Amino acid sequence: HLQKTLNRLTFLGALFLAFIAIVPNIVETLTNLSVFKGLGGTSLLIIVGVAIDTSKQIQTYMISRNYENIVQ
């Protein structure tokens, strides 16, 4: 059962990464703009990762701030 679940997760992750890698090319083809030439899949993954990490840090700060107000 565990192996089947891991295979599904790996497959879905691979599909997501393939989608991220192809999106800049599709957008460039549809819009006929070469602005997206430097914005590859790796850049998008880094941007999304940083945005998620930043939002988690903000959420953690807000929770700790509310906790300090409750304790005092």
Protein backbone atom coordinates (compact mmCIF):
# COMPACT_ATOMS: atom_id res chain seq x y z
CA HIS A 1 0.00 0.00 0.00
CA LEU A 2 2.80 2.42 0.92
CA GLN A 3 4.68 1.78 -2.34
CA LYS A 4 1.53 2.45 -4.37
CA THR A 5 0.98 5.75 -2.56
CA LEU A 6 4.61 6.80 -3.09
CA ASN A 7 4.37 5.97 -6.79
CA ARG A 8 1.26 8.12 -7.15
CA LEU A 9 2.86 11.05 -5.33
CA THR A 10 6.01 10.78 -7.42
CA PHE A 11 3.99 10.68 -10.62
CA LEU A 12 1.92 13.72 -9.64
CA GLY A 13 5.07 15.61 -8.65
CA ALA A 14 6.66 14.78 -11.99
CA LEU A 15 3.58 16.00 -13.85
CA PHE A 16 3.64 19.25 -11.87
CA LEU A 17 7.33 19.84 -12.62
CA ALA A 18 6.78 19.12 -16.31
CA PHE A 19 3.89 21.59 -16.34
CA ILE A 20 6.02 24.27 -14.67
CA ALA A 21 8.81 23.70 -17.19
CA ILE A 22 6.45 24.00 -20.18
CA VAL A 23 4.33 26.99 -19.06
CA PRO A 24 6.84 29.73 -20.05
CA ASN A 25 7.11 28.29 -23.57
CA ILE A 26 3.33 28.10 -23.95
CA VAL A 27 2.85 31.68 -22.72
CA GLU A 28 5.57 32.88 -25.08
CA THR A 29 3.97 31.10 -28.03
CA LEU A 30 0.48 32.40 -27.27
CA THR A 31 1.51 36.01 -26.66
CA ASN A 32 4.30 36.25 -29.25
CA LEU A 33 6.43 38.00 -26.63
CA SER A 34 10.02 37.02 -25.97
CA VAL A 35 9.92 38.57 -22.49
CA PHE A 36 9.44 35.13 -20.95
CA LYS A 37 12.65 33.81 -22.51
CA GLY A 38 14.63 34.27 -19.29
CA LEU A 39 11.80 33.13 -17.04
CA GLY A 40 12.18 29.37 -17.04
CA GLY A 41 10.70 26.62 -14.97
CA THR A 42 13.49 26.81 -12.43
CA SER A 43 12.86 30.51 -11.86
CA LEU A 44 9.17 29.88 -11.31
CA LEU A 45 9.90 27.14 -8.79
CA ILE A 46 12.27 29.42 -6.88
CA ILE A 47 9.75 32.27 -6.85
CA VAL A 48 6.95 30.02 -5.62
CA GLY A 49 9.21 28.49 -2.97
CA VAL A 50 10.25 31.88 -1.64
CA ALA A 51 6.65 33.11 -1.60
CA ILE A 52 5.48 30.04 0.35
CA ASP A 53 8.34 30.34 2.84
CA THR A 54 7.67 34.05 3.36
CA SER A 55 3.96 33.47 3.98
CA LYS A 56 4.78 30.70 6.51
CA GLN A 57 7.17 33.01 8.36
CA ILE A 58 4.57 35.77 8.51
CA GLN A 59 1.96 33.32 9.75
CA THR A 60 4.34 32.00 12.42
CA TYR A 61 5.11 35.56 13.55
CA MET A 62 1.41 36.41 13.81
CA ILE A 63 0.65 33.25 15.80
CA SER A 64 3.51 33.90 18.24
CA ARG A 65 2.42 37.51 18.61
CA ASN A 66 -1.16 36.44 19.43
CA TYR A 67 0.16 33.85 21.87
CA GLU A 68 2.25 36.46 23.68
CA ASN A 69 -0.84 38.67 24.02
CA ILE A 70 -2.86 35.81 25.48
CA VAL A 71 -0.18 34.83 28.01
CA GLN A 72 0.26 38.36 29.34
